[in-house]
């Protein structure tokens, strides 16, 4: 299943390591340092020019990580992922 992060960006559920509220988590110095290092390393993908509300950390097939900055709230992304997971579970139950 796929999760839409904004504009034309979709990721698979298997890639997701975490969905974070940008405003709440950037209070922490550790989070700011992590995002700064990701930016410096070229691992940030901004999926919209709107006000960012969340960031999603994903593991790539090669083991590296990519951080997607999304205008969609983390609660909405979480709801979408739960709906998608329930749909996927139902499809696998069909015999």
C-alpha atoms as a PDB file:
ATOM      1  CA  UNK A   1       0.000   0.000   0.000  1.00  0.00           C
ATOM      2  CA  UNK A   2       0.986   3.597  -0.546  1.00  0.00           C
ATOM      3  CA  UNK A   3       0.799   6.783   1.491  1.00  0.00           C
ATOM      4  CA  UNK A   4       0.334  10.129  -0.266  1.00  0.00           C
ATOM      5  CA  UNK A   5       2.575  12.809   1.294  1.00  0.00           C
ATOM      6  CA  UNK A   6       1.582  15.756  -0.879  1.00  0.00           C
ATOM      7  CA  UNK A   7       1.653  16.853  -4.500  1.00  0.00           C
ATOM      8  CA  UNK A   8       2.945  13.901  -6.551  1.00  0.00           C
ATOM      9  CA  UNK A   9       4.803  12.091  -3.775  1.00  0.00           C
ATOM     10  CA  UNK A  10       3.768   8.667  -2.550  1.00  0.00           C
ATOM     11  CA  UNK A  11       5.723   6.148  -0.491  1.00  0.00           C
ATOM     12  CA  UNK A  12       5.117   2.543   0.475  1.00  0.00           C
ATOM     13  CA  UNK A  13       4.167   1.677   4.054  1.00  0.00           C
ATOM     14  CA  UNK A  14       7.176  -0.630   4.288  1.00  0.00           C
ATOM     15  CA  UNK A  15       9.536   2.344   3.900  1.00  0.00           C
ATOM     16  CA  UNK A  16       8.129   4.363   6.816  1.00  0.00           C
ATOM     17  CA  UNK A  17      10.233   4.541   9.962  1.00  0.00           C
ATOM     18  CA  UNK A  18       8.273   7.363  11.561  1.00  0.00           C
ATOM     19  CA  UNK A  19       5.797  10.200  11.057  1.00  0.00           C
ATOM     20  CA  UNK A  20       6.526  13.302  13.120  1.00  0.00           C
ATOM     21  CA  UNK A  21       4.847  16.608  13.911  1.00  0.00           C
ATOM     22  CA  UNK A  22       7.294  19.240  12.701  1.00  0.00           C
ATOM     23  CA  UNK A  23       6.248  21.941  15.157  1.00  0.00           C
ATOM     24  CA  UNK A  24       6.207  19.710  18.240  1.00  0.00           C
ATOM     25  CA  UNK A  25       9.435  17.834  17.572  1.00  0.00           C
ATOM     26  CA  UNK A  26      11.672  20.702  16.475  1.00  0.00           C
ATOM     27  CA  UNK A  27      11.586  22.005  20.036  1.00  0.00           C
ATOM     28  CA  UNK A  28      14.178  19.323  20.770  1.00  0.00           C
ATOM     29  CA  UNK A  29      17.794  20.103  19.901  1.00  0.00           C
ATOM     30  CA  UNK A  30      18.327  16.466  18.892  1.00  0.00           C
ATOM     31  CA  UNK A  31      15.575  16.712  16.273  1.00  0.00           C
ATOM     32  CA  UNK A  32      16.899  20.016  14.946  1.00  0.00           C
ATOM     33  CA  UNK A  33      20.400  18.493  14.711  1.00  0.00           C
ATOM     34  CA  UNK A  34      19.004  15.427  12.918  1.00  0.00           C
ATOM     35  CA  UNK A  35      17.128  17.541  10.375  1.00  0.00           C
ATOM     36  CA  UNK A  36      20.184  19.776   9.872  1.00  0.00           C
ATOM     37  CA  UNK A  37      22.372  16.727   9.215  1.00  0.00           C
ATOM     38  CA  UNK A  38      19.772  15.318   6.806  1.00  0.00           C
ATOM     39  CA  UNK A  39      19.676  18.636   4.972  1.00  0.00           C
ATOM     40  CA  UNK A  40      23.470  18.803   4.788  1.00  0.00           C
ATOM     41  CA  UNK A  41      23.569  15.197   3.541  1.00  0.00           C
ATOM     42  CA  UNK A  42      21.013  15.893   0.807  1.00  0.00           C
ATOM     43  CA  UNK A  43      18.467  13.496   2.305  1.00  0.00           C
ATOM     44  CA  UNK A  44      15.600  16.003   2.631  1.00  0.00           C
ATOM     45  CA  UNK A  45      12.788  16.042   0.070  1.00  0.00           C
ATOM     46  CA  UNK A  46      10.320  18.909   0.378  1.00  0.00           C
ATOM     47  CA  UNK A  47       7.086  17.718  -1.243  1.00  0.00           C
ATOM     48  CA  UNK A  48       5.301  21.074  -1.192  1.00  0.00           C
ATOM     49  CA  UNK A  49       5.845  24.798  -1.095  1.00  0.00           C
ATOM     50  CA  UNK A  50       3.053  25.152   1.491  1.00  0.00           C
ATOM     51  CA  UNK A  51       3.681  25.520   5.212  1.00  0.00           C
ATOM     52  CA  UNK A  52       5.244  22.235   6.392  1.00  0.00           C
ATOM     53  CA  UNK A  53       3.390  20.375   9.132  1.00  0.00           C
ATOM     54  CA  UNK A  54       5.125  17.033   9.342  1.00  0.00           C
ATOM     55  CA  UNK A  55       8.167  15.065   8.344  1.00  0.00           C
ATOM     56  CA  UNK A  56       8.328  11.396   7.467  1.00  0.00           C
ATOM     57  CA  UNK A  57      11.521   9.382   7.855  1.00  0.00           C
ATOM     58  CA  UNK A  58      11.827   6.519   5.380  1.00  0.00           C
ATOM     59  CA  UNK A  59      14.359   3.744   4.903  1.00  0.00           C
ATOM     60  CA  UNK A  60      15.404   3.239   1.290  1.00  0.00           C
ATOM     61  CA  UNK A  61      16.134  -0.170  -0.235  1.00  0.00           C
ATOM     62  CA  UNK A  62      19.877   0.487   0.088  1.00  0.00           C
ATOM     63  CA  UNK A  63      19.518   1.124   3.849  1.00  0.00           C
ATOM     64  CA  UNK A  64      19.893   4.894   3.670  1.00  0.00           C
ATOM     65  CA  UNK A  65      17.182   7.232   4.939  1.00  0.00           C
ATOM     66  CA  UNK A  66      15.199   9.986   3.285  1.00  0.00           C
ATOM     67  CA  UNK A  67      13.257  12.653   5.159  1.00  0.00           C
ATOM     68  CA  UNK A  68      10.127  13.957   3.442  1.00  0.00           C
ATOM     69  CA  UNK A  69       8.799  17.354   4.533  1.00  0.00           C
ATOM     70  CA  UNK A  70       5.010  17.351   4.067  1.00  0.00           C
ATOM     71  CA  UNK A  71       2.263  19.984   4.288  1.00  0.00           C
ATOM     72  CA  UNK A  72      -0.123  17.299   5.566  1.00  0.00           C
ATOM     73  CA  UNK A  73      -0.599  17.045   9.323  1.00  0.00           C
ATOM     74  CA  UNK A  74       0.829  13.969  11.037  1.00  0.00           C
ATOM     75  CA  UNK A  75      -2.619  13.020  12.345  1.00  0.00           C
ATOM     76  CA  UNK A  76      -4.001  12.978   8.788  1.00  0.00           C
ATOM     77  CA  UNK A  77      -1.046  10.902   7.563  1.00  0.00           C
ATOM     78  CA  UNK A  78      -1.574   8.481  10.430  1.00  0.00           C
ATOM     79  CA  UNK A  79      -5.303   8.163   9.652  1.00  0.00           C
ATOM     80  CA  UNK A  80      -4.507   7.537   5.989  1.00  0.00           C
ATOM     81  CA  UNK A  81      -1.952   4.880   6.874  1.00  0.00           C
ATOM     82  CA  UNK A  82      -4.394   3.087   9.203  1.00  0.00           C
ATOM     83  CA  UNK A  83      -7.095   3.139   6.531  1.00  0.00           C
ATOM     84  CA  UNK A  84      -4.614   1.829   3.973  1.00  0.00           C
ATOM     85  CA  UNK A  85      -3.426  -0.920   6.286  1.00  0.00           C
ATOM     86  CA  UNK A  86      -6.995  -2.027   7.027  1.00  0.00           C
ATOM     87  CA  UNK A  87      -7.744  -2.123   3.301  1.00  0.00           C
ATOM     88  CA  UNK A  88      -4.605  -4.168   2.655  1.00  0.00           C
ATOM     89  CA  UNK A  89      -5.522  -6.595   5.443  1.00  0.00           C
ATOM     90  CA  UNK A  90      -9.020  -7.087   3.978  1.00  0.00           C
ATOM     91  CA  UNK A  91      -7.621  -7.759   0.529  1.00  0.00           C
ATOM     92  CA  UNK A  92      -5.302 -10.460   1.871  1.00  0.00           C
ATOM     93  CA  UNK A  93      -8.204 -12.115   3.727  1.00  0.00           C
ATOM     94  CA  UNK A  94     -10.137 -12.718   0.491  1.00  0.00           C
ATOM     95  CA  UNK A  95      -9.917 -16.340  -0.613  1.00  0.00           C
END
